[in-house]
Amino acid sequence: MKNLMRVAIGLAIGGVVFVGGVAVGKATKEAKFLSREEVKWVDTGEPGKSPKFGLLSGDEKKGPYLGLLQIPNGFTSPFHSHSGDYESVQIEGTSSHWLKGEDGTKAKPMTPGSYWSMPGKLDHVSGCAKGKDCVVLLMQKTKFDFVPGKEDKKPADTKAPAKTEPAKTAPAKTEPAKKM
């Protein structure tokens, strides 16, 4: 009798949970197909010389989101960080990323299919090797942002790998930081 009562209570609870789930989930999810040509790209800095961001899903202003970052070949960012952790997969080109105090010429090349994660608030440099623009898939639970890093005391630390040369820039001006 006790077992029968337990089964009945379990079925009743399970039924309520199931019906509640169906009622809450009335809006059925639909498949989404977005070709690369349909991605809306936004310049994160100087057009043609800075990375572009393309939102795939979510909300990049609040997070979470899934997006593409297209980095011009030969581009090397300044030291920077992001408010939150992110994960990334290399889609095209070859990128490299290194932390303060590390030798950028020894950074591991991230070729298509490579994965990395970066903790939030950790200063790093990101570069794209010459030859082909880099496209990376970004996954972040927080907003998409670019926080300028603190001045580095060792200029050699910002050197990109030999195959990645920094993008040519105009003389330094006082401007707001560029978002990457």
C-alpha atoms as a PDB file:
ATOM      1  CA  MET A   1       0.000   0.000   0.000  1.00  0.00           C
ATOM      2  CA  LYS A   2       2.828   2.398   0.902  1.00  0.00           C
ATOM      3  CA  ASN A   3       4.587   1.616  -2.359  1.00  0.00           C
ATOM      4  CA  LEU A   4       1.381   2.204  -4.320  1.00  0.00           C
ATOM      5  CA  MET A   5       0.949   5.570  -2.577  1.00  0.00           C
ATOM      6  CA  ARG A   6       4.561   6.546  -3.379  1.00  0.00           C
ATOM      7  CA  VAL A   7       4.082   5.629  -7.033  1.00  0.00           C
ATOM      8  CA  ALA A   8       0.825   7.617  -7.200  1.00  0.00           C
ATOM      9  CA  ILE A   9       2.452  10.684  -5.606  1.00  0.00           C
ATOM     10  CA  GLY A  10       5.459  10.372  -7.930  1.00  0.00           C
ATOM     11  CA  LEU A  11       3.213  10.138 -10.992  1.00  0.00           C
ATOM     12  CA  ALA A  12       1.130  13.099  -9.828  1.00  0.00           C
ATOM     13  CA  ILE A  13       4.207  15.263  -9.250  1.00  0.00           C
ATOM     14  CA  GLY A  14       5.728  14.133 -12.529  1.00  0.00           C
ATOM     15  CA  GLY A  15       2.482  14.893 -14.366  1.00  0.00           C
ATOM     16  CA  VAL A  16       2.282  18.398 -12.876  1.00  0.00           C
ATOM     17  CA  VAL A  17       5.901  19.064 -13.806  1.00  0.00           C
ATOM     18  CA  PHE A  18       5.319  17.758 -17.335  1.00  0.00           C
ATOM     19  CA  VAL A  19       2.131  19.769 -17.879  1.00  0.00           C
ATOM     20  CA  GLY A  20       3.775  22.849 -16.333  1.00  0.00           C
ATOM     21  CA  GLY A  21       6.743  22.455 -18.669  1.00  0.00           C
ATOM     22  CA  VAL A  22       4.524  22.125 -21.714  1.00  0.00           C
ATOM     23  CA  ALA A  23       2.442  25.153 -20.646  1.00  0.00           C
ATOM     24  CA  VAL A  24       5.554  27.291 -20.085  1.00  0.00           C
ATOM     25  CA  GLY A  25       7.168  26.088 -23.287  1.00  0.00           C
ATOM     26  CA  LYS A  26       4.177  26.747 -25.554  1.00  0.00           C
ATOM     27  CA  ALA A  27       6.248  28.902 -27.885  1.00  0.00           C
ATOM     28  CA  THR A  28       7.978  26.227 -29.926  1.00  0.00           C
ATOM     29  CA  LYS A  29      11.579  26.774 -30.816  1.00  0.00           C
ATOM     30  CA  GLU A  30      12.235  27.101 -34.506  1.00  0.00           C
ATOM     31  CA  ALA A  31      15.319  26.150 -36.439  1.00  0.00           C
ATOM     32  CA  LYS A  32      17.548  29.082 -37.394  1.00  0.00           C
ATOM     33  CA  PHE A  33      19.750  29.199 -40.471  1.00  0.00           C
ATOM     34  CA  LEU A  34      21.987  32.218 -41.014  1.00  0.00           C
ATOM     35  CA  SER A  35      24.440  32.247 -43.913  1.00  0.00           C
ATOM     36  CA  ARG A  36      27.694  34.136 -43.570  1.00  0.00           C
ATOM     37  CA  GLU A  37      26.436  36.642 -46.128  1.00  0.00           C
ATOM     38  CA  GLU A  38      23.482  37.423 -43.846  1.00  0.00           C
ATOM     39  CA  VAL A  39      25.611  38.178 -40.773  1.00  0.00           C
ATOM     40  CA  LYS A  40      25.435  41.884 -39.896  1.00  0.00           C
ATOM     41  CA  TRP A  41      29.039  42.944 -39.348  1.00  0.00           C
ATOM     42  CA  VAL A  42      29.859  45.925 -37.130  1.00  0.00           C
ATOM     43  CA  ASP A  43      33.278  47.619 -37.125  1.00  0.00           C
ATOM     44  CA  THR A  44      34.791  47.641 -33.638  1.00  0.00           C
ATOM     45  CA  GLY A  45      37.222  50.444 -34.496  1.00  0.00           C
ATOM     46  CA  GLU A  46      38.636  52.018 -37.644  1.00  0.00           C
ATOM     47  CA  PRO A  47      36.816  50.496 -40.654  1.00  0.00           C
ATOM     48  CA  GLY A  48      39.025  48.164 -42.673  1.00  0.00           C
ATOM     49  CA  LYS A  49      41.811  48.163 -40.097  1.00  0.00           C
ATOM     50  CA  SER A  50      40.083  46.828 -36.966  1.00  0.00           C
ATOM     51  CA  PRO A  51      38.147  43.664 -36.159  1.00  0.00           C
ATOM     52  CA  LYS A  52      34.472  43.330 -37.079  1.00  0.00           C
ATOM     53  CA  PHE A  53      31.859  41.660 -34.896  1.00  0.00           C
ATOM     54  CA  GLY A  54      28.869  39.689 -36.177  1.00  0.00           C
ATOM     55  CA  LEU A  55      26.162  38.557 -33.760  1.00  0.00           C
ATOM     56  CA  LEU A  56      24.794  35.055 -34.365  1.00  0.00           C
ATOM     57  CA  SER A  57      22.514  34.699 -31.342  1.00  0.00           C
ATOM     58  CA  GLY A  58      21.895  36.170 -27.924  1.00  0.00           C
ATOM     59  CA  ASP A  59      22.591  39.735 -26.805  1.00  0.00           C
ATOM     60  CA  GLU A  60      26.178  40.997 -27.054  1.00  0.00           C
ATOM     61  CA  LYS A  61      25.285  44.103 -25.015  1.00  0.00           C
ATOM     62  CA  LYS A  62      24.242  42.085 -21.945  1.00  0.00           C
ATOM     63  CA  GLY A  63      25.201  38.471 -22.636  1.00  0.00           C
ATOM     64  CA  PRO A  64      25.090  35.643 -23.169  1.00  0.00           C
ATOM     65  CA  TYR A  65      25.812  35.656 -26.869  1.00  0.00           C
ATOM     66  CA  LEU A  66      27.402  33.697 -29.681  1.00  0.00           C
ATOM     67  CA  GLY A  67      29.199  35.721 -32.326  1.00  0.00           C
ATOM     68  CA  LEU A  68      31.889  35.876 -34.957  1.00  0.00           C
ATOM     69  CA  LEU A  69      34.930  38.120 -34.786  1.00  0.00           C
ATOM     70  CA  GLN A  70      36.716  38.831 -38.072  1.00  0.00           C
ATOM     71  CA  ILE A  71      40.263  40.098 -37.512  1.00  0.00           C
ATOM     72  CA  PRO A  72      42.247  41.606 -40.420  1.00  0.00           C
ATOM     73  CA  ASN A  73      45.357  39.663 -41.388  1.00  0.00           C
ATOM     74  CA  GLY A  74      48.466  41.256 -39.897  1.00  0.00           C
ATOM     75  CA  PHE A  75      46.453  42.926 -37.095  1.00  0.00           C
ATOM     76  CA  THR A  76      47.818  42.906 -33.528  1.00  0.00           C
ATOM     77  CA  SER A  77      45.722  44.324 -30.716  1.00  0.00           C
ATOM     78  CA  PRO A  78      47.101  46.347 -27.838  1.00  0.00           C
ATOM     79  CA  PHE A  79      47.023  44.740 -24.383  1.00  0.00           C
ATOM     80  CA  HIS A  80      43.402  44.482 -23.309  1.00  0.00           C
ATOM     81  CA  SER A  81      40.958  42.396 -21.316  1.00  0.00           C
ATOM     82  CA  HIS A  82      37.244  41.664 -21.256  1.00  0.00           C
ATOM     83  CA  SER A  83      34.753  41.998 -18.383  1.00  0.00           C
ATOM     84  CA  GLY A  84      33.906  38.314 -18.418  1.00  0.00           C
ATOM     85  CA  ASP A  85      35.378  34.971 -19.423  1.00  0.00           C
ATOM     86  CA  TYR A  86      35.066  33.884 -23.037  1.00  0.00           C
ATOM     87  CA  GLU A  87      35.630  30.755 -25.082  1.00  0.00           C
ATOM     88  CA  SER A  88      36.608  30.722 -28.720  1.00  0.00           C
ATOM     89  CA  VAL A  89      37.120  28.427 -31.706  1.00  0.00           C
ATOM     90  CA  GLN A  90      39.283  29.414 -34.682  1.00  0.00           C
ATOM     91  CA  ILE A  91      37.295  29.185 -37.932  1.00  0.00           C
ATOM     92  CA  GLU A  92      39.658  30.730 -40.523  1.00  0.00           C
ATOM     93  CA  GLY A  93      43.189  32.082 -40.584  1.00  0.00           C
ATOM     94  CA  THR A  94      45.782  31.717 -37.832  1.00  0.00           C
ATOM     95  CA  SER A  95      45.600  33.780 -34.659  1.00  0.00           C
ATOM     96  CA  SER A  96      47.742  33.901 -31.539  1.00  0.00           C
ATOM     97  CA  HIS A  97      47.138  35.223 -28.043  1.00  0.00           C
ATOM     98  CA  TRP A  98      49.540  35.899 -25.204  1.00  0.00           C
ATOM     99  CA  LEU A  99      49.584  37.385 -21.724  1.00  0.00           C
ATOM    100  CA  LYS A 100      51.652  40.153 -20.174  1.00  0.00           C
ATOM    101  CA  GLY A 101      55.175  38.988 -19.529  1.00  0.00           C
ATOM    102  CA  GLU A 102      54.993  36.339 -22.253  1.00  0.00           C
ATOM    103  CA  ASP A 103      56.975  36.436 -25.478  1.00  0.00           C
ATOM    104  CA  GLY A 104      54.489  36.912 -28.324  1.00  0.00           C
ATOM    105  CA  THR A 105      56.936  35.302 -30.762  1.00  0.00           C
ATOM    106  CA  LYS A 106      56.435  32.023 -28.861  1.00  0.00           C
ATOM    107  CA  ALA A 107      52.629  32.150 -28.722  1.00  0.00           C
ATOM    108  CA  LYS A 108      50.903  28.973 -29.873  1.00  0.00           C
ATOM    109  CA  PRO A 109      49.346  29.387 -33.345  1.00  0.00           C
ATOM    110  CA  MET A 110      45.578  28.863 -33.310  1.00  0.00           C
ATOM    111  CA  THR A 111      44.699  27.258 -36.644  1.00  0.00           C
ATOM    112  CA  PRO A 112      41.158  26.386 -37.813  1.00  0.00           C
ATOM    113  CA  GLY A 113      39.507  24.093 -35.297  1.00  0.00           C
ATOM    114  CA  SER A 114      41.685  25.276 -32.385  1.00  0.00           C
ATOM    115  CA  TYR A 115      39.987  26.137 -29.069  1.00  0.00           C
ATOM    116  CA  TRP A 116      40.969  28.497 -26.246  1.00  0.00           C
ATOM    117  CA  SER A 117      39.404  30.226 -23.291  1.00  0.00           C
ATOM    118  CA  MET A 118      40.337  33.521 -21.673  1.00  0.00           C
ATOM    119  CA  PRO A 119      39.394  34.506 -18.134  1.00  0.00           C
ATOM    120  CA  GLY A 120      37.809  37.927 -17.719  1.00  0.00           C
ATOM    121  CA  LYS A 121      39.975  40.821 -16.527  1.00  0.00           C
ATOM    122  CA  LEU A 122      43.171  39.116 -17.747  1.00  0.00           C
ATOM    123  CA  ASP A 123      45.308  41.424 -19.935  1.00  0.00           C
ATOM    124  CA  HIS A 124      46.341  39.806 -23.203  1.00  0.00           C
ATOM    125  CA  VAL A 125      47.198  40.540 -26.828  1.00  0.00           C
ATOM    126  CA  SER A 126      45.442  38.976 -29.811  1.00  0.00           C
ATOM    127  CA  GLY A 127      46.950  38.886 -33.280  1.00  0.00           C
ATOM    128  CA  CYS A 128      46.141  37.510 -36.715  1.00  0.00           C
ATOM    129  CA  ALA A 129      48.956  36.220 -38.914  1.00  0.00           C
ATOM    130  CA  LYS A 130      49.499  37.797 -42.332  1.00  0.00           C
ATOM    131  CA  GLY A 131      48.028  36.112 -45.363  1.00  0.00           C
ATOM    132  CA  LYS A 132      44.380  35.516 -44.459  1.00  0.00           C
ATOM    133  CA  ASP A 133      41.900  37.295 -42.211  1.00  0.00           C
ATOM    134  CA  CYS A 134      41.048  35.429 -39.022  1.00  0.00           C
ATOM    135  CA  VAL A 135      37.491  34.480 -38.122  1.00  0.00           C
ATOM    136  CA  VAL A 136      36.818  33.190 -34.631  1.00  0.00           C
ATOM    137  CA  LEU A 137      33.641  32.012 -32.959  1.00  0.00           C
ATOM    138  CA  LEU A 138      33.140  33.774 -29.610  1.00  0.00           C
ATOM    139  CA  MET A 139      30.974  32.411 -26.802  1.00  0.00           C
ATOM    140  CA  GLN A 140      30.511  34.629 -23.767  1.00  0.00           C
ATOM    141  CA  LYS A 141      28.035  34.687 -20.884  1.00  0.00           C
ATOM    142  CA  THR A 142      28.668  38.385 -20.303  1.00  0.00           C
ATOM    143  CA  LYS A 143      28.640  41.399 -22.616  1.00  0.00           C
ATOM    144  CA  PHE A 144      31.043  41.826 -25.524  1.00  0.00           C
ATOM    145  CA  ASP A 145      33.580  44.478 -24.584  1.00  0.00           C
ATOM    146  CA  PHE A 146      37.173  45.635 -24.918  1.00  0.00           C
ATOM    147  CA  VAL A 147      38.886  47.009 -21.806  1.00  0.00           C
ATOM    148  CA  PRO A 148      42.242  48.701 -22.559  1.00  0.00           C
ATOM    149  CA  GLY A 149      45.142  47.145 -20.658  1.00  0.00           C
ATOM    150  CA  LYS A 150      47.514  48.952 -18.382  1.00  0.00           C
ATOM    151  CA  GLU A 151      50.720  50.268 -19.952  1.00  0.00           C
ATOM    152  CA  ASP A 152      53.269  47.512 -20.255  1.00  0.00           C
ATOM    153  CA  LYS A 153      56.757  48.194 -18.904  1.00  0.00           C
ATOM    154  CA  LYS A 154      58.451  45.703 -21.255  1.00  0.00           C
ATOM    155  CA  PRO A 155      57.930  46.747 -24.896  1.00  0.00           C
ATOM    156  CA  ALA A 156      59.322  43.398 -26.114  1.00  0.00           C
ATOM    157  CA  ASP A 157      56.335  41.623 -24.546  1.00  0.00           C
ATOM    158  CA  THR A 158      53.964  43.120 -27.083  1.00  0.00           C
ATOM    159  CA  LYS A 159      55.880  41.790 -30.078  1.00  0.00           C
ATOM    160  CA  ALA A 160      53.742  39.605 -32.237  1.00  0.00           C
ATOM    161  CA  PRO A 161      54.980  36.284 -33.572  1.00  0.00           C
ATOM    162  CA  ALA A 162      57.366  36.748 -36.495  1.00  0.00           C
ATOM    163  CA  LYS A 163      54.677  35.879 -39.035  1.00  0.00           C
ATOM    164  CA  THR A 164      52.259  38.426 -37.514  1.00  0.00           C
ATOM    165  CA  GLU A 165      53.224  42.063 -37.897  1.00  0.00           C
ATOM    166  CA  PRO A 166      51.369  44.848 -36.109  1.00  0.00           C
ATOM    167  CA  ALA A 167      48.988  46.858 -38.249  1.00  0.00           C
ATOM    168  CA  LYS A 168      50.311  50.274 -39.258  1.00  0.00           C
ATOM    169  CA  THR A 169      48.727  53.000 -37.193  1.00  0.00           C
ATOM    170  CA  ALA A 170      48.691  56.760 -37.316  1.00  0.00           C
ATOM    171  CA  PRO A 171      50.552  58.769 -34.662  1.00  0.00           C
ATOM    172  CA  ALA A 172      49.020  58.418 -31.202  1.00  0.00           C
ATOM    173  CA  LYS A 173      45.957  60.579 -30.594  1.00  0.00           C
ATOM    174  CA  THR A 174      43.834  60.961 -27.501  1.00  0.00           C
ATOM    175  CA  GLU A 175      40.778  58.906 -28.449  1.00  0.00           C
ATOM    176  CA  PRO A 176      38.400  56.638 -26.586  1.00  0.00           C
ATOM    177  CA  ALA A 177      39.523  52.997 -26.490  1.00  0.00           C
ATOM    178  CA  LYS A 178      38.454  50.846 -29.404  1.00  0.00           C
ATOM    179  CA  LYS A 179      36.183  47.909 -28.695  1.00  0.00           C
ATOM    180  CA  MET A 180      37.342  44.491 -29.984  1.00  0.00           C
END
